[in-house]
Amino acid sequence: MNLPTPLNKDWVATGKATYDLKCLACHKLSDEKLVGPGWAGVTKRREPVWIMNMITNVDMMLEKDPEAQKMLEECLVRMPNQNITQEDSRKLIEFMRSNDGEK
């Protein structure tokens, strides 16, 4: 997936609104673990397609993906399906990129 620069500021704002509504309770924007892992640096460690799959197809990822299974072992709590669309997951990635310092 090709991620354009500069960031789409409207998508960053929409992604932040989704984060505030559906992700904030379990994920911090730092590298600190809350319920789930912190988001700092996630766009540097993971491919966008992997992140989108984790957001939109969490059950499949926890069943089949070794990295997702490892995170479940570390966090001990399954990420719930938040019913986030592909489009909104892409906007969450834009917010994650902004959180990771991209402009």
PDB file of N, CA and C in Angstrom:
ATOM      1  N   MET A   1       0.848  -1.179   0.000  1.00  0.00           N
ATOM      2  CA  MET A   1       0.000   0.000   0.000  1.00  0.00           C
ATOM      3  C   MET A   1       0.892   1.240   0.000  1.00  0.00           C
ATOM      4  N   ASN A   2       0.596   2.139  -0.888  1.00  0.00           N
ATOM      5  CA  ASN A   2       1.361   3.375  -1.005  1.00  0.00           C
ATOM      6  C   ASN A   2       0.722   4.450  -0.128  1.00  0.00           C
ATOM      7  N   LEU A   3       1.483   4.939   0.848  1.00  0.00           N
ATOM      8  CA  LEU A   3       0.965   5.979   1.740  1.00  0.00           C
ATOM      9  C   LEU A   3       1.547   7.326   1.322  1.00  0.00           C
ATOM     10  N   PRO A   4       0.703   8.240   0.880  1.00  0.00           N
ATOM     11  CA  PRO A   4       1.189   9.526   0.377  1.00  0.00           C
ATOM     12  C   PRO A   4       1.659  10.460   1.489  1.00  0.00           C
ATOM     13  N   THR A   5       2.533  11.348   1.114  1.00  0.00           N
ATOM     14  CA  THR A   5       2.920  12.448   1.997  1.00  0.00           C
ATOM     15  C   THR A   5       2.706  13.719   1.195  1.00  0.00           C
ATOM     16  N   PRO A   6       2.361  14.811   1.822  1.00  0.00           N
ATOM     17  CA  PRO A   6       2.139  14.941   3.258  1.00  0.00           C
ATOM     18  C   PRO A   6       0.863  14.225   3.683  1.00  0.00           C
ATOM     19  N   LEU A   7       0.690  14.114   4.999  1.00  0.00           N
ATOM     20  CA  LEU A   7      -0.499  13.471   5.549  1.00  0.00           C
ATOM     21  C   LEU A   7      -1.755  14.232   5.145  1.00  0.00           C
ATOM     22  N   ASN A   8      -2.844  13.490   5.008  1.00  0.00           N
ATOM     23  CA  ASN A   8      -4.154  14.088   4.764  1.00  0.00           C
ATOM     24  C   ASN A   8      -4.705  14.540   6.122  1.00  0.00           C
ATOM     25  N   LYS A   9      -4.699  15.847   6.360  1.00  0.00           N
ATOM     26  CA  LYS A   9      -5.074  16.376   7.677  1.00  0.00           C
ATOM     27  C   LYS A   9      -6.521  16.061   8.054  1.00  0.00           C
ATOM     28  N   ASP A  10      -7.415  16.011   7.067  1.00  0.00           N
ATOM     29  CA  ASP A  10      -8.804  15.641   7.354  1.00  0.00           C
ATOM     30  C   ASP A  10      -8.883  14.193   7.835  1.00  0.00           C
ATOM     31  N   TRP A  11      -8.101  13.322   7.202  1.00  0.00           N
ATOM     32  CA  TRP A  11      -8.082  11.918   7.606  1.00  0.00           C
ATOM     33  C   TRP A  11      -7.466  11.764   8.994  1.00  0.00           C
ATOM     34  N   VAL A  12      -6.434  12.551   9.288  1.00  0.00           N
ATOM     35  CA  VAL A  12      -5.828  12.515  10.629  1.00  0.00           C
ATOM     36  C   VAL A  12      -6.889  12.868  11.670  1.00  0.00           C
ATOM     37  N   ALA A  13      -7.664  13.917  11.413  1.00  0.00           N
ATOM     38  CA  ALA A  13      -8.704  14.354  12.354  1.00  0.00           C
ATOM     39  C   ALA A  13      -9.791  13.285  12.507  1.00  0.00           C
ATOM     40  N   THR A  14     -10.208  12.685  11.407  1.00  0.00           N
ATOM     41  CA  THR A  14     -11.221  11.619  11.470  1.00  0.00           C
ATOM     42  C   THR A  14     -10.664  10.403  12.204  1.00  0.00           C
ATOM     43  N   GLY A  15      -9.406  10.066  11.927  1.00  0.00           N
ATOM     44  CA  GLY A  15      -8.761   8.949  12.617  1.00  0.00           C
ATOM     45  C   GLY A  15      -8.655   9.192  14.109  1.00  0.00           C
ATOM     46  N   LYS A  16      -8.340  10.428  14.498  1.00  0.00           N
ATOM     47  CA  LYS A  16      -8.260  10.755  15.931  1.00  0.00           C
ATOM     48  C   LYS A  16      -9.630  10.624  16.578  1.00  0.00           C
ATOM     49  N   ALA A  17     -10.676  11.061  15.887  1.00  0.00           N
ATOM     50  CA  ALA A  17     -12.038  10.945  16.430  1.00  0.00           C
ATOM     51  C   ALA A  17     -12.413   9.470  16.631  1.00  0.00           C
ATOM     52  N   THR A  18     -12.034   8.618  15.690  1.00  0.00           N
ATOM     53  CA  THR A  18     -12.290   7.179  15.830  1.00  0.00           C
ATOM     54  C   THR A  18     -11.480   6.616  16.988  1.00  0.00           C
ATOM     55  N   TYR A  19     -10.204   7.022  17.086  1.00  0.00           N
ATOM     56  CA  TYR A  19      -9.364   6.592  18.214  1.00  0.00           C
ATOM     57  C   TYR A  19     -10.010   6.986  19.539  1.00  0.00           C
ATOM     58  N   ASP A  20     -10.427   8.250  19.649  1.00  0.00           N
ATOM     59  CA  ASP A  20     -11.033   8.738  20.893  1.00  0.00           C
ATOM     60  C   ASP A  20     -12.280   7.937  21.261  1.00  0.00           C
ATOM     61  N   LEU A  21     -13.050   7.532  20.264  1.00  0.00           N
ATOM     62  CA  LEU A  21     -14.314   6.841  20.489  1.00  0.00           C
ATOM     63  C   LEU A  21     -14.128   5.342  20.740  1.00  0.00           C
ATOM     64  N   LYS A  22     -13.222   4.693  19.967  1.00  0.00           N
ATOM     65  CA  LYS A  22     -13.190   3.231  19.976  1.00  0.00           C
ATOM     66  C   LYS A  22     -11.878   2.609  20.449  1.00  0.00           C
ATOM     67  N   CYS A  23     -10.799   3.367  20.538  1.00  0.00           N
ATOM     68  CA  CYS A  23      -9.482   2.775  20.806  1.00  0.00           C
ATOM     69  C   CYS A  23      -8.846   3.248  22.113  1.00  0.00           C
ATOM     70  N   LEU A  24      -9.181   4.462  22.517  1.00  0.00           N
ATOM     71  CA  LEU A  24      -8.566   5.134  23.664  1.00  0.00           C
ATOM     72  C   LEU A  24      -8.637   4.333  24.962  1.00  0.00           C
ATOM     73  N   ALA A  25      -9.714   3.594  25.160  1.00  0.00           N
ATOM     74  CA  ALA A  25      -9.882   2.851  26.413  1.00  0.00           C
ATOM     75  C   ALA A  25      -8.817   1.766  26.596  1.00  0.00           C
ATOM     76  N   CYS A  26      -8.249   1.274  25.497  1.00  0.00           N
ATOM     77  CA  CYS A  26      -7.295   0.161  25.588  1.00  0.00           C
ATOM     78  C   CYS A  26      -5.896   0.486  25.079  1.00  0.00           C
ATOM     79  N   HIS A  27      -5.747   1.537  24.260  1.00  0.00           N
ATOM     80  CA  HIS A  27      -4.453   1.851  23.640  1.00  0.00           C
ATOM     81  C   HIS A  27      -4.026   3.280  23.947  1.00  0.00           C
ATOM     82  N   LYS A  28      -2.814   3.417  24.483  1.00  0.00           N
ATOM     83  CA  LYS A  28      -2.226   4.750  24.677  1.00  0.00           C
ATOM     84  C   LYS A  28      -1.477   5.147  23.407  1.00  0.00           C
ATOM     85  N   LEU A  29      -1.236   6.438  23.257  1.00  0.00           N
ATOM     86  CA  LEU A  29      -0.492   6.929  22.094  1.00  0.00           C
ATOM     87  C   LEU A  29       1.017   6.848  22.319  1.00  0.00           C
ATOM     88  N   SER A  30       1.431   6.524  23.528  1.00  0.00           N
ATOM     89  CA  SER A  30       2.847   6.324  23.852  1.00  0.00           C
ATOM     90  C   SER A  30       3.187   4.848  23.599  1.00  0.00           C
ATOM     91  N   ASP A  31       4.360   4.419  24.042  1.00  0.00           N
ATOM     92  CA  ASP A  31       4.702   3.001  23.907  1.00  0.00           C
ATOM     93  C   ASP A  31       4.255   2.199  25.129  1.00  0.00           C
ATOM     94  N   GLU A  32       3.551   2.858  26.038  1.00  0.00           N
ATOM     95  CA  GLU A  32       3.087   2.201  27.259  1.00  0.00           C
ATOM     96  C   GLU A  32       1.878   1.310  26.985  1.00  0.00           C
ATOM     97  N   LYS A  33       1.921   0.083  27.507  1.00  0.00           N
ATOM     98  CA  LYS A  33       0.796  -0.839  27.381  1.00  0.00           C
ATOM     99  C   LYS A  33      -0.300  -0.423  28.360  1.00  0.00           C
ATOM    100  N   LEU A  34      -1.525  -0.418  27.902  1.00  0.00           N
ATOM    101  CA  LEU A  34      -2.682  -0.191  28.770  1.00  0.00           C
ATOM    102  C   LEU A  34      -3.350  -1.563  28.861  1.00  0.00           C
ATOM    103  N   VAL A  35      -4.419  -1.800  28.135  1.00  0.00           N
ATOM    104  CA  VAL A  35      -4.953  -3.151  27.963  1.00  0.00           C
ATOM    105  C   VAL A  35      -4.246  -3.773  26.767  1.00  0.00           C
ATOM    106  N   GLY A  36      -4.219  -2.998  25.688  1.00  0.00           N
ATOM    107  CA  GLY A  36      -3.489  -3.406  24.488  1.00  0.00           C
ATOM    108  C   GLY A  36      -2.203  -2.624  24.391  1.00  0.00           C
ATOM    109  N   PRO A  37      -1.389  -2.942  23.385  1.00  0.00           N
ATOM    110  CA  PRO A  37      -0.102  -2.265  23.237  1.00  0.00           C
ATOM    111  C   PRO A  37      -0.253  -0.784  22.895  1.00  0.00           C
ATOM    112  N   GLY A  38       0.717   0.017  23.326  1.00  0.00           N
ATOM    113  CA  GLY A  38       0.751   1.424  22.947  1.00  0.00           C
ATOM    114  C   GLY A  38       0.987   1.568  21.459  1.00  0.00           C
ATOM    115  N   TRP A  39       0.561   2.692  20.928  1.00  0.00           N
ATOM    116  CA  TRP A  39       0.633   2.898  19.478  1.00  0.00           C
ATOM    117  C   TRP A  39       1.914   3.570  19.009  1.00  0.00           C
ATOM    118  N   ALA A  40       2.731   4.082  19.895  1.00  0.00           N
ATOM    119  CA  ALA A  40       3.941   4.787  19.454  1.00  0.00           C
ATOM    120  C   ALA A  40       4.807   3.873  18.604  1.00  0.00           C
ATOM    121  N   GLY A  41       5.137   4.335  17.411  1.00  0.00           N
ATOM    122  CA  GLY A  41       6.029   3.599  16.522  1.00  0.00           C
ATOM    123  C   GLY A  41       5.373   2.477  15.734  1.00  0.00           C
ATOM    124  N   VAL A  42       4.071   2.297  15.880  1.00  0.00           N
ATOM    125  CA  VAL A  42       3.421   1.165  15.207  1.00  0.00           C
ATOM    126  C   VAL A  42       3.573   1.231  13.693  1.00  0.00           C
ATOM    127  N   THR A  43       3.532   2.424  13.114  1.00  0.00           N
ATOM    128  CA  THR A  43       3.653   2.521  11.652  1.00  0.00           C
ATOM    129  C   THR A  43       5.088   2.307  11.189  1.00  0.00           C
ATOM    130  N   LYS A  44       6.037   2.310  12.109  1.00  0.00           N
ATOM    131  CA  LYS A  44       7.432   2.010  11.774  1.00  0.00           C
ATOM    132  C   LYS A  44       7.689   0.503  11.872  1.00  0.00           C
ATOM    133  N   ARG A  45       6.894  -0.185  12.712  1.00  0.00           N
ATOM    134  CA  ARG A  45       7.095  -1.616  12.943  1.00  0.00           C
ATOM    135  C   ARG A  45       6.220  -2.515  12.074  1.00  0.00           C
ATOM    136  N   ARG A  46       5.073  -2.016  11.654  1.00  0.00           N
ATOM    137  CA  ARG A  46       4.091  -2.849  10.952  1.00  0.00           C
ATOM    138  C   ARG A  46       3.726  -2.238   9.607  1.00  0.00           C
ATOM    139  N   GLU A  47       3.433  -3.117   8.657  1.00  0.00           N
ATOM    140  CA  GLU A  47       2.958  -2.681   7.346  1.00  0.00           C
ATOM    141  C   GLU A  47       1.514  -2.190   7.477  1.00  0.00           C
ATOM    142  N   PRO A  48       1.123  -1.199   6.663  1.00  0.00           N
ATOM    143  CA  PRO A  48      -0.244  -0.677   6.727  1.00  0.00           C
ATOM    144  C   PRO A  48      -1.309  -1.765   6.551  1.00  0.00           C
ATOM    145  N   VAL A  49      -1.078  -2.726   5.652  1.00  0.00           N
ATOM    146  CA  VAL A  49      -2.056  -3.789   5.422  1.00  0.00           C
ATOM    147  C   VAL A  49      -2.235  -4.630   6.691  1.00  0.00           C
ATOM    148  N   TRP A  50      -1.139  -4.892   7.400  1.00  0.00           N
ATOM    149  CA  TRP A  50      -1.216  -5.663   8.649  1.00  0.00           C
ATOM    150  C   TRP A  50      -2.051  -4.896   9.676  1.00  0.00           C
ATOM    151  N   ILE A  51      -1.779  -3.599   9.817  1.00  0.00           N
ATOM    152  CA  ILE A  51      -2.524  -2.776  10.782  1.00  0.00           C
ATOM    153  C   ILE A  51      -4.010  -2.762  10.428  1.00  0.00           C
ATOM    154  N   MET A  52      -4.324  -2.554   9.146  1.00  0.00           N
ATOM    155  CA  MET A  52      -5.723  -2.516   8.728  1.00  0.00           C
ATOM    156  C   MET A  52      -6.410  -3.851   8.980  1.00  0.00           C
ATOM    157  N   ASN A  53      -5.712  -4.954   8.707  1.00  0.00           N
ATOM    158  CA  ASN A  53      -6.294  -6.269   8.981  1.00  0.00           C
ATOM    159  C   ASN A  53      -6.539  -6.468  10.473  1.00  0.00           C
ATOM    160  N   MET A  54      -5.612  -5.994  11.295  1.00  0.00           N
ATOM    161  CA  MET A  54      -5.780  -6.133  12.741  1.00  0.00           C
ATOM    162  C   MET A  54      -6.991  -5.327  13.220  1.00  0.00           C
ATOM    163  N   ILE A  55      -7.229  -4.175  12.596  1.00  0.00           N
ATOM    164  CA  ILE A  55      -8.359  -3.333  12.974  1.00  0.00           C
ATOM    165  C   ILE A  55      -9.684  -3.905  12.469  1.00  0.00           C
ATOM    166  N   THR A  56      -9.699  -4.381  11.226  1.00  0.00           N
ATOM    167  CA  THR A  56     -10.967  -4.763  10.594  1.00  0.00           C
ATOM    168  C   THR A  56     -11.254  -6.262  10.627  1.00  0.00           C
ATOM    169  N   ASN A  57     -10.222  -7.093  10.787  1.00  0.00           N
ATOM    170  CA  ASN A  57     -10.388  -8.553  10.773  1.00  0.00           C
ATOM    171  C   ASN A  57      -9.680  -9.173  11.966  1.00  0.00           C
ATOM    172  N   VAL A  58      -9.935  -8.650  13.148  1.00  0.00           N
ATOM    173  CA  VAL A  58      -9.171  -9.052  14.331  1.00  0.00           C
ATOM    174  C   VAL A  58      -9.297 -10.549  14.620  1.00  0.00           C
ATOM    175  N   ASP A  59     -10.476 -11.133  14.461  1.00  0.00           N
ATOM    176  CA  ASP A  59     -10.639 -12.557  14.759  1.00  0.00           C
ATOM    177  C   ASP A  59      -9.775 -13.418  13.835  1.00  0.00           C
ATOM    178  N   MET A  60      -9.781 -13.106  12.543  1.00  0.00           N
ATOM    179  CA  MET A  60      -8.960 -13.838  11.586  1.00  0.00           C
ATOM    180  C   MET A  60      -7.473 -13.665  11.907  1.00  0.00           C
ATOM    181  N   MET A  61      -7.079 -12.444  12.255  1.00  0.00           N
ATOM    182  CA  MET A  61      -5.670 -12.195  12.565  1.00  0.00           C
ATOM    183  C   MET A  61      -5.237 -12.980  13.804  1.00  0.00           C
ATOM    184  N   LEU A  62      -6.072 -13.006  14.838  1.00  0.00           N
ATOM    185  CA  LEU A  62      -5.719 -13.731  16.059  1.00  0.00           C
ATOM    186  C   LEU A  62      -5.694 -15.236  15.831  1.00  0.00           C
ATOM    187  N   GLU A  63      -6.445 -15.686  14.841  1.00  0.00           N
ATOM    188  CA  GLU A  63      -6.474 -17.106  14.526  1.00  0.00           C
ATOM    189  C   GLU A  63      -5.268 -17.521  13.679  1.00  0.00           C
ATOM    190  N   LYS A  64      -4.828 -16.651  12.745  1.00  0.00           N
ATOM    191  CA  LYS A  64      -3.865 -17.075  11.729  1.00  0.00           C
ATOM    192  C   LYS A  64      -2.517 -16.378  11.767  1.00  0.00           C
ATOM    193  N   ASP A  65      -2.423 -15.185  12.332  1.00  0.00           N
ATOM    194  CA  ASP A  65      -1.188 -14.410  12.236  1.00  0.00           C
ATOM    195  C   ASP A  65      -0.315 -14.605  13.482  1.00  0.00           C
ATOM    196  N   PRO A  66       0.917 -15.099  13.310  1.00  0.00           N
ATOM    197  CA  PRO A  66       1.788 -15.342  14.470  1.00  0.00           C
ATOM    198  C   PRO A  66       2.089 -14.093  15.293  1.00  0.00           C
ATOM    199  N   GLU A  67       2.254 -12.944  14.640  1.00  0.00           N
ATOM    200  CA  GLU A  67       2.538 -11.703  15.379  1.00  0.00           C
ATOM    201  C   GLU A  67       1.332 -11.274  16.217  1.00  0.00           C
ATOM    202  N   ALA A  68       0.135 -11.402  15.653  1.00  0.00           N
ATOM    203  CA  ALA A  68      -1.083 -11.066  16.400  1.00  0.00           C
ATOM    204  C   ALA A  68      -1.253 -12.027  17.581  1.00  0.00           C
ATOM    205  N   GLN A  69      -0.952 -13.302  17.368  1.00  0.00           N
ATOM    206  CA  GLN A  69      -1.045 -14.287  18.446  1.00  0.00           C
ATOM    207  C   GLN A  69      -0.049 -13.976  19.562  1.00  0.00           C
ATOM    208  N   LYS A  70       1.143 -13.542  19.181  1.00  0.00           N
ATOM    209  CA  LYS A  70       2.159 -13.172  20.177  1.00  0.00           C
ATOM    210  C   LYS A  70       1.680 -11.979  21.016  1.00  0.00           C
ATOM    211  N   MET A  71       1.062 -10.991  20.363  1.00  0.00           N
ATOM    212  CA  MET A  71       0.534  -9.831  21.092  1.00  0.00           C
ATOM    213  C   MET A  71      -0.565 -10.255  22.058  1.00  0.00           C
ATOM    214  N   LEU A  72      -1.403 -11.215  21.649  1.00  0.00           N
ATOM    215  CA  LEU A  72      -2.461 -11.703  22.529  1.00  0.00           C
ATOM    216  C   LEU A  72      -1.854 -12.371  23.766  1.00  0.00           C
ATOM    217  N   GLU A  73      -0.781 -13.132  23.574  1.00  0.00           N
ATOM    218  CA  GLU A  73      -0.099 -13.762  24.714  1.00  0.00           C
ATOM    219  C   GLU A  73       0.455 -12.711  25.676  1.00  0.00           C
ATOM    220  N   GLU A  74       0.964 -11.617  25.139  1.00  0.00           N
ATOM    221  CA  GLU A  74       1.531 -10.551  25.972  1.00  0.00           C
ATOM    222  C   GLU A  74       0.444  -9.742  26.680  1.00  0.00           C
ATOM    223  N   CYS A  75      -0.657  -9.474  25.987  1.00  0.00           N
ATOM    224  CA  CYS A  75      -1.706  -8.601  26.530  1.00  0.00           C
ATOM    225  C   CYS A  75      -2.775  -9.368  27.306  1.00  0.00           C
ATOM    226  N   LEU A  76      -2.953 -10.646  26.979  1.00  0.00           N
ATOM    227  CA  LEU A  76      -3.903 -11.534  27.662  1.00  0.00           C
ATOM    228  C   LEU A  76      -5.372 -11.179  27.447  1.00  0.00           C
ATOM    229  N   VAL A  77      -5.654 -10.224  26.584  1.00  0.00           N
ATOM    230  CA  VAL A  77      -7.039  -9.830  26.301  1.00  0.00           C
ATOM    231  C   VAL A  77      -7.206  -9.749  24.790  1.00  0.00           C
ATOM    232  N   ARG A  78      -8.243 -10.410  24.281  1.00  0.00           N
ATOM    233  CA  ARG A  78      -8.538 -10.335  22.838  1.00  0.00           C
ATOM    234  C   ARG A  78      -9.037  -8.936  22.492  1.00  0.00           C
ATOM    235  N   MET A  79      -8.530  -8.410  21.411  1.00  0.00           N
ATOM    236  CA  MET A  79      -9.053  -7.132  20.940  1.00  0.00           C
ATOM    237  C   MET A  79     -10.461  -7.380  20.400  1.00  0.00           C
ATOM    238  N   PRO A  80     -11.444  -6.603  20.863  1.00  0.00           N
ATOM    239  CA  PRO A  80     -12.807  -6.800  20.346  1.00  0.00           C
ATOM    240  C   PRO A  80     -12.936  -6.242  18.933  1.00  0.00           C
ATOM    241  N   ASN A  81     -13.866  -6.806  18.195  1.00  0.00           N
ATOM    242  CA  ASN A  81     -14.172  -6.267  16.874  1.00  0.00           C
ATOM    243  C   ASN A  81     -14.961  -4.982  17.081  1.00  0.00           C
ATOM    244  N   GLN A  82     -14.385  -3.860  16.652  1.00  0.00           N
ATOM    245  CA  GLN A  82     -15.020  -2.559  16.840  1.00  0.00           C
ATOM    246  C   GLN A  82     -15.884  -2.140  15.648  1.00  0.00           C
ATOM    247  N   ASN A  83     -16.044  -3.060  14.681  1.00  0.00           N
ATOM    248  CA  ASN A  83     -16.844  -2.765  13.481  1.00  0.00           C
ATOM    249  C   ASN A  83     -16.373  -1.494  12.789  1.00  0.00           C
ATOM    250  N   ILE A  84     -15.076  -1.386  12.609  1.00  0.00           N
ATOM    251  CA  ILE A  84     -14.476  -0.252  11.906  1.00  0.00           C
ATOM    252  C   ILE A  84     -14.348  -0.626  10.434  1.00  0.00           C
ATOM    253  N   THR A  85     -14.798   0.263   9.558  1.00  0.00           N
ATOM    254  CA  THR A  85     -14.755  -0.003   8.121  1.00  0.00           C
ATOM    255  C   THR A  85     -13.326   0.086   7.596  1.00  0.00           C
ATOM    256  N   GLN A  86     -13.123  -0.457   6.400  1.00  0.00           N
ATOM    257  CA  GLN A  86     -11.818  -0.338   5.729  1.00  0.00           C
ATOM    258  C   GLN A  86     -11.437   1.138   5.588  1.00  0.00           C
ATOM    259  N   GLU A  87     -12.409   1.957   5.179  1.00  0.00           N
ATOM    260  CA  GLU A  87     -12.153   3.382   4.984  1.00  0.00           C
ATOM    261  C   GLU A  87     -11.726   4.049   6.295  1.00  0.00           C
ATOM    262  N   ASP A  88     -12.442   3.747   7.382  1.00  0.00           N
ATOM    263  CA  ASP A  88     -12.082   4.345   8.668  1.00  0.00           C
ATOM    264  C   ASP A  88     -10.765   3.798   9.201  1.00  0.00           C
ATOM    265  N   SER A  89     -10.456   2.533   8.891  1.00  0.00           N
ATOM    266  CA  SER A  89      -9.167   1.986   9.338  1.00  0.00           C
ATOM    267  C   SER A  89      -8.016   2.694   8.627  1.00  0.00           C
ATOM    268  N   ARG A  90      -8.228   3.053   7.372  1.00  0.00           N
ATOM    269  CA  ARG A  90      -7.194   3.799   6.637  1.00  0.00           C
ATOM    270  C   ARG A  90      -6.981   5.169   7.281  1.00  0.00           C
ATOM    271  N   LYS A  91      -8.058   5.791   7.742  1.00  0.00           N
ATOM    272  CA  LYS A  91      -7.947   7.093   8.405  1.00  0.00           C
ATOM    273  C   LYS A  91      -7.293   6.942   9.774  1.00  0.00           C
ATOM    274  N   LEU A  92      -7.509   5.825  10.450  1.00  0.00           N
ATOM    275  CA  LEU A  92      -6.798   5.556  11.702  1.00  0.00           C
ATOM    276  C   LEU A  92      -5.295   5.444  11.447  1.00  0.00           C
ATOM    277  N   ILE A  93      -4.924   4.809  10.339  1.00  0.00           N
ATOM    278  CA  ILE A  93      -3.499   4.713  10.004  1.00  0.00           C
ATOM    279  C   ILE A  93      -2.914   6.104   9.780  1.00  0.00           C
ATOM    280  N   GLU A  94      -3.669   6.984   9.159  1.00  0.00           N
ATOM    281  CA  GLU A  94      -3.189   8.354   8.951  1.00  0.00           C
ATOM    282  C   GLU A  94      -2.945   9.030  10.300  1.00  0.00           C
ATOM    283  N   PHE A  95      -3.856   8.809  11.255  1.00  0.00           N
ATOM    284  CA  PHE A  95      -3.668   9.344  12.605  1.00  0.00           C
ATOM    285  C   PHE A  95      -2.452   8.697  13.276  1.00  0.00           C
ATOM    286  N   MET A  96      -2.284   7.392  13.101  1.00  0.00           N
ATOM    287  CA  MET A  96      -1.115   6.702  13.668  1.00  0.00           C
ATOM    288  C   MET A  96       0.185   7.268  13.092  1.00  0.00           C
ATOM    289  N   ARG A  97       0.190   7.523  11.780  1.00  0.00           N
ATOM    290  CA  ARG A  97       1.375   8.108  11.143  1.00  0.00           C
ATOM    291  C   ARG A  97       1.690   9.472  11.747  1.00  0.00           C
ATOM    292  N   SER A  98       0.638  10.270  11.978  1.00  0.00           N
ATOM    293  CA  SER A  98       0.814  11.580  12.595  1.00  0.00           C
ATOM    294  C   SER A  98       1.379  11.415  14.008  1.00  0.00           C
ATOM    295  N   ASN A  99       0.850  10.459  14.746  1.00  0.00           N
ATOM    296  CA  ASN A  99       1.332  10.177  16.105  1.00  0.00           C
ATOM    297  C   ASN A  99       2.800   9.749  16.091  1.00  0.00           C
ATOM    298  N   ASP A 100       3.215   9.098  14.999  1.00  0.00           N
ATOM    299  CA  ASP A 100       4.608   8.653  14.876  1.00  0.00           C
ATOM    300  C   ASP A 100       5.527   9.730  14.288  1.00  0.00           C
ATOM    301  N   GLY A 101       5.012  10.959  14.157  1.00  0.00           N
ATOM    302  CA  GLY A 101       5.854  12.074  13.754  1.00  0.00           C
ATOM    303  C   GLY A 101       5.909  12.398  12.291  1.00  0.00           C
ATOM    304  N   GLU A 102       5.143  11.680  11.471  1.00  0.00           N
ATOM    305  CA  GLU A 102       5.128  12.012  10.044  1.00  0.00           C
ATOM    306  C   GLU A 102       4.356  13.309   9.826  1.00  0.00           C
ATOM    307  N   LYS A 103       4.719  14.012   8.797  1.00  0.00           N
ATOM    308  CA  LYS A 103       4.094  15.315   8.498  1.00  0.00           C
ATOM    309  C   LYS A 103       3.248  15.219   7.237  1.00  0.00           C
TER     310      LYS A 103
END
